[in-house]
Amino acid sequence: GLATGSGQNIFENVELREITDDEIKAFDFLYCGIDWGYYPDPFAFSVSSYNAPKQELFIFDELYLNKRGNYDAFKDLTKHMEIAGLDIANDRITADSAEPKSIADFRSWGGNVRGAIKGIGSRDTSFKWLQGLKKIVIDPRRCPRMADEFTLYEHEIDKRTGEIMSGYPDGQPDHGIDTIRYALEGV
């Protein structure tokens, strides 16, 4: 990986490099995820692949949108997926279940979208799982925002003691990270 931040990085297993078209064609299964947003939080979408035997995650497609209602976001996502060789009607997308209306909208327009199953502790569990992977490979040209989120996401410092705080901070940009968490929940 690339050294970034101040040493409190959450993810120390990130490798930023080009993921070639040939590599993408060879992936057995693709995982798609959505984190709903409008503004200032964006609507975020990602595509990744996971190699279980090697414990390597490859993130190679992203779409971030601001100030797009559900219908416009659906149209934009449909076009984006078509360009990427994906089909919104057939490729499964796992989305944040906190917005059942958005999921219902996308499904009514023909999207193969389902809500993530979230329970007590699922956020922490998914962060620990991602941290435990041998490698998270991100193509920074195809996914510049995802590369930033994964490399700049850091533990918070207790202002009173100066100690690193446990847990995973909320409030840092993590919309792309959330798309990955939702997409890979079944893994």
Protein backbone atom coordinates (compact mmCIF):
# COMPACT_ATOMS: atom_id res chain seq x y z
CA GLY A 1 0.00 0.00 0.00
CA LEU A 2 0.79 3.66 -0.10
CA ALA A 3 1.71 5.50 3.10
CA THR A 4 -0.95 8.10 3.81
CA GLY A 5 -2.47 9.88 6.78
CA SER A 6 -0.99 10.15 10.23
CA GLY A 7 -0.46 6.51 11.18
CA GLN A 8 -3.93 5.91 12.57
CA ASN A 9 -5.24 4.35 9.36
CA ILE A 10 -8.15 1.96 9.78
CA PHE A 11 -7.15 0.03 6.65
CA GLU A 12 -3.46 -0.86 6.42
CA ASN A 13 -4.03 -3.53 3.76
CA VAL A 14 -4.85 -1.24 0.81
CA GLU A 15 -2.93 -1.51 -2.44
CA LEU A 16 -3.53 1.21 -5.02
CA ARG A 17 -2.82 0.03 -8.55
CA GLU A 18 -4.39 -0.35 -11.96
CA ILE A 19 -6.83 -3.23 -12.27
CA THR A 20 -6.72 -4.19 -15.94
CA ASP A 21 -9.66 -5.02 -18.20
CA ASP A 22 -8.25 -8.55 -18.52
CA GLU A 23 -8.27 -8.97 -14.74
CA ILE A 24 -11.86 -7.74 -14.57
CA LYS A 25 -12.96 -10.15 -17.31
CA ALA A 26 -11.46 -13.03 -15.32
CA PHE A 27 -13.40 -12.27 -12.11
CA ASP A 28 -15.88 -15.04 -11.32
CA PHE A 29 -18.45 -12.97 -9.46
CA LEU A 30 -19.11 -9.26 -9.10
CA TYR A 31 -20.54 -7.55 -6.03
CA CYS A 32 -22.51 -4.30 -6.40
CA GLY A 33 -23.52 -1.99 -3.57
CA ILE A 34 -25.41 1.26 -3.01
CA ASP A 35 -25.27 3.79 -0.19
CA TRP A 36 -28.20 6.17 -0.55
CA GLY A 37 -27.62 9.90 -0.44
CA TYR A 38 -28.60 13.20 -1.99
CA TYR A 39 -26.57 16.13 -0.64
CA PRO A 40 -24.19 16.72 1.06
CA ASP A 41 -23.94 12.94 1.42
CA PRO A 42 -23.71 11.47 -2.08
CA PHE A 43 -25.53 8.56 -3.65
CA ALA A 44 -22.67 6.05 -3.96
CA PHE A 45 -22.36 2.84 -6.00
CA SER A 46 -19.50 0.38 -6.36
CA VAL A 47 -18.53 -2.83 -8.11
CA SER A 48 -15.97 -5.21 -6.67
CA SER A 49 -14.81 -8.81 -6.78
CA TYR A 50 -13.56 -11.03 -3.97
CA ASN A 51 -11.03 -13.84 -4.24
CA ALA A 52 -11.86 -15.95 -1.16
CA PRO A 53 -8.91 -18.39 -1.31
CA LYS A 54 -6.43 -15.49 -1.43
CA GLN A 55 -8.53 -13.16 0.78
CA GLU A 56 -8.15 -10.35 -1.73
CA LEU A 57 -10.79 -7.75 -2.59
CA PHE A 58 -10.66 -5.84 -5.88
CA ILE A 59 -12.55 -2.52 -6.18
CA PHE A 60 -12.72 -1.26 -9.74
CA ASP A 61 -15.88 0.75 -10.36
CA GLU A 62 -17.61 3.60 -8.57
CA LEU A 63 -20.32 6.17 -9.18
CA TYR A 64 -20.98 9.11 -6.87
CA LEU A 65 -23.92 11.45 -7.48
CA ASN A 66 -25.06 14.62 -5.72
CA LYS A 67 -28.47 16.27 -5.84
CA ARG A 68 -30.08 13.47 -7.84
CA GLY A 69 -33.50 12.21 -6.83
CA ASN A 70 -34.22 8.50 -6.97
CA TYR A 71 -35.50 8.46 -10.56
CA ASP A 72 -32.57 10.47 -11.92
CA ALA A 73 -30.10 8.39 -9.88
CA PHE A 74 -31.69 5.22 -11.29
CA LYS A 75 -31.33 6.51 -14.88
CA ASP A 76 -27.72 7.58 -14.27
CA LEU A 77 -26.88 4.26 -12.63
CA THR A 78 -28.51 2.29 -15.45
CA LYS A 79 -26.35 4.11 -18.03
CA HIS A 80 -23.25 3.75 -15.89
CA MET A 81 -23.79 0.01 -15.48
CA GLU A 82 -24.44 -0.49 -19.21
CA ILE A 83 -21.14 1.22 -20.05
CA ALA A 84 -19.43 -1.11 -17.55
CA GLY A 85 -21.03 -4.16 -19.17
CA LEU A 86 -23.48 -4.71 -16.32
CA ASP A 87 -27.28 -4.91 -16.29
CA ILE A 88 -29.29 -3.19 -13.56
CA ALA A 89 -32.13 -5.70 -14.06
CA ASN A 90 -29.98 -8.81 -13.68
CA ASP A 91 -26.88 -7.97 -11.65
CA ARG A 92 -27.75 -8.00 -7.95
CA ILE A 93 -27.20 -4.79 -6.04
CA THR A 94 -27.26 -4.76 -2.24
CA ALA A 95 -28.20 -1.38 -0.83
CA ASP A 96 -28.44 0.27 2.56
CA SER A 97 -31.68 -1.05 4.02
CA ALA A 98 -32.26 2.17 5.97
CA GLU A 99 -34.17 3.50 2.93
CA PRO A 100 -36.86 0.96 2.04
CA LYS A 101 -38.65 3.53 -0.15
CA SER A 102 -35.53 4.00 -2.30
CA ILE A 103 -35.13 0.24 -2.63
CA ALA A 104 -38.81 -0.07 -3.60
CA ASP A 105 -38.43 2.74 -6.17
CA PHE A 106 -35.43 1.08 -7.83
CA ARG A 107 -37.18 -2.30 -7.83
CA SER A 108 -40.35 -0.82 -9.36
CA TRP A 109 -38.23 0.61 -12.20
CA GLY A 110 -36.67 -2.79 -12.89
CA GLY A 111 -33.55 -2.78 -10.71
CA ASN A 112 -32.37 -5.96 -9.02
CA VAL A 113 -31.89 -4.18 -5.69
CA ARG A 114 -32.30 -5.66 -2.22
CA GLY A 115 -31.68 -4.26 1.22
CA ALA A 116 -28.64 -5.22 3.25
CA ILE A 117 -29.32 -7.23 6.38
CA LYS A 118 -28.04 -5.08 9.20
CA GLY A 119 -28.09 -5.97 12.85
CA ILE A 120 -26.47 -5.00 16.10
CA GLY A 121 -22.72 -4.88 15.60
CA SER A 122 -22.82 -5.49 11.84
CA ARG A 123 -20.93 -2.27 11.04
CA ASP A 124 -18.04 -3.14 13.37
CA THR A 125 -18.02 -6.75 12.18
CA SER A 126 -17.79 -5.73 8.52
CA PHE A 127 -14.99 -3.23 9.25
CA LYS A 128 -13.02 -5.93 11.10
CA TRP A 129 -13.57 -8.34 8.20
CA LEU A 130 -12.25 -5.79 5.70
CA GLN A 131 -9.24 -5.06 7.95
CA GLY A 132 -8.49 -8.78 8.13
CA LEU A 133 -8.24 -9.29 4.38
CA LYS A 134 -4.76 -9.90 3.01
CA LYS A 135 -5.27 -7.16 0.44
CA ILE A 136 -7.81 -4.56 -0.69
CA VAL A 137 -6.78 -3.61 -4.22
CA ILE A 138 -8.29 -0.35 -5.50
CA ASP A 139 -7.81 1.09 -8.97
CA PRO A 140 -7.28 4.81 -8.19
CA ARG A 141 -7.94 5.89 -11.77
CA ARG A 142 -11.29 4.10 -11.96
CA CYS A 143 -12.16 4.73 -8.28
CA PRO A 144 -10.50 7.92 -7.05
CA ARG A 145 -13.02 8.61 -4.28
CA MET A 146 -12.94 5.01 -3.05
CA ALA A 147 -9.13 5.16 -2.97
CA ASP A 148 -9.32 8.32 -0.86
CA GLU A 149 -11.88 6.89 1.53
CA PHE A 150 -9.98 3.67 2.21
CA THR A 151 -6.56 5.30 2.56
CA LEU A 152 -7.60 8.38 4.55
CA TYR A 153 -10.09 6.76 6.95
CA GLU A 154 -8.46 7.03 10.39
CA HIS A 155 -9.05 6.32 14.05
CA GLU A 156 -9.99 9.40 16.05
CA ILE A 157 -7.78 10.83 18.77
CA ASP A 158 -9.21 11.57 22.22
CA LYS A 159 -8.70 15.34 22.56
CA ARG A 160 -8.40 15.07 26.31
CA THR A 161 -5.83 12.25 26.53
CA GLY A 162 -4.25 12.23 23.08
CA GLU A 163 -4.88 8.46 22.89
CA ILE A 164 -6.24 6.67 19.82
CA MET A 165 -9.92 5.91 20.36
CA SER A 166 -11.27 2.43 19.70
CA GLY A 167 -14.08 1.78 17.25
CA TYR A 168 -14.75 3.16 13.82
CA PRO A 169 -15.44 6.87 13.48
CA ASP A 170 -18.65 8.12 11.96
CA GLY A 171 -18.61 11.38 10.09
CA GLN A 172 -15.51 10.77 7.98
CA PRO A 173 -16.35 10.14 4.31
CA ASP A 174 -17.20 6.44 4.18
CA HIS A 175 -19.98 6.18 1.61
CA GLY A 176 -17.93 4.05 -0.76
CA ILE A 177 -16.76 1.89 2.12
CA ASP A 178 -20.42 1.38 3.01
CA THR A 179 -21.23 0.25 -0.54
CA ILE A 180 -18.54 -2.42 -0.22
CA ARG A 181 -19.83 -3.50 3.20
CA TYR A 182 -23.36 -3.91 1.85
CA ALA A 183 -22.32 -5.60 -1.38
CA LEU A 184 -20.19 -8.19 0.42
CA GLU A 185 -22.43 -8.89 3.39
CA GLY A 186 -23.17 -12.40 2.11
CA VAL A 187 -19.46 -13.24 2.03
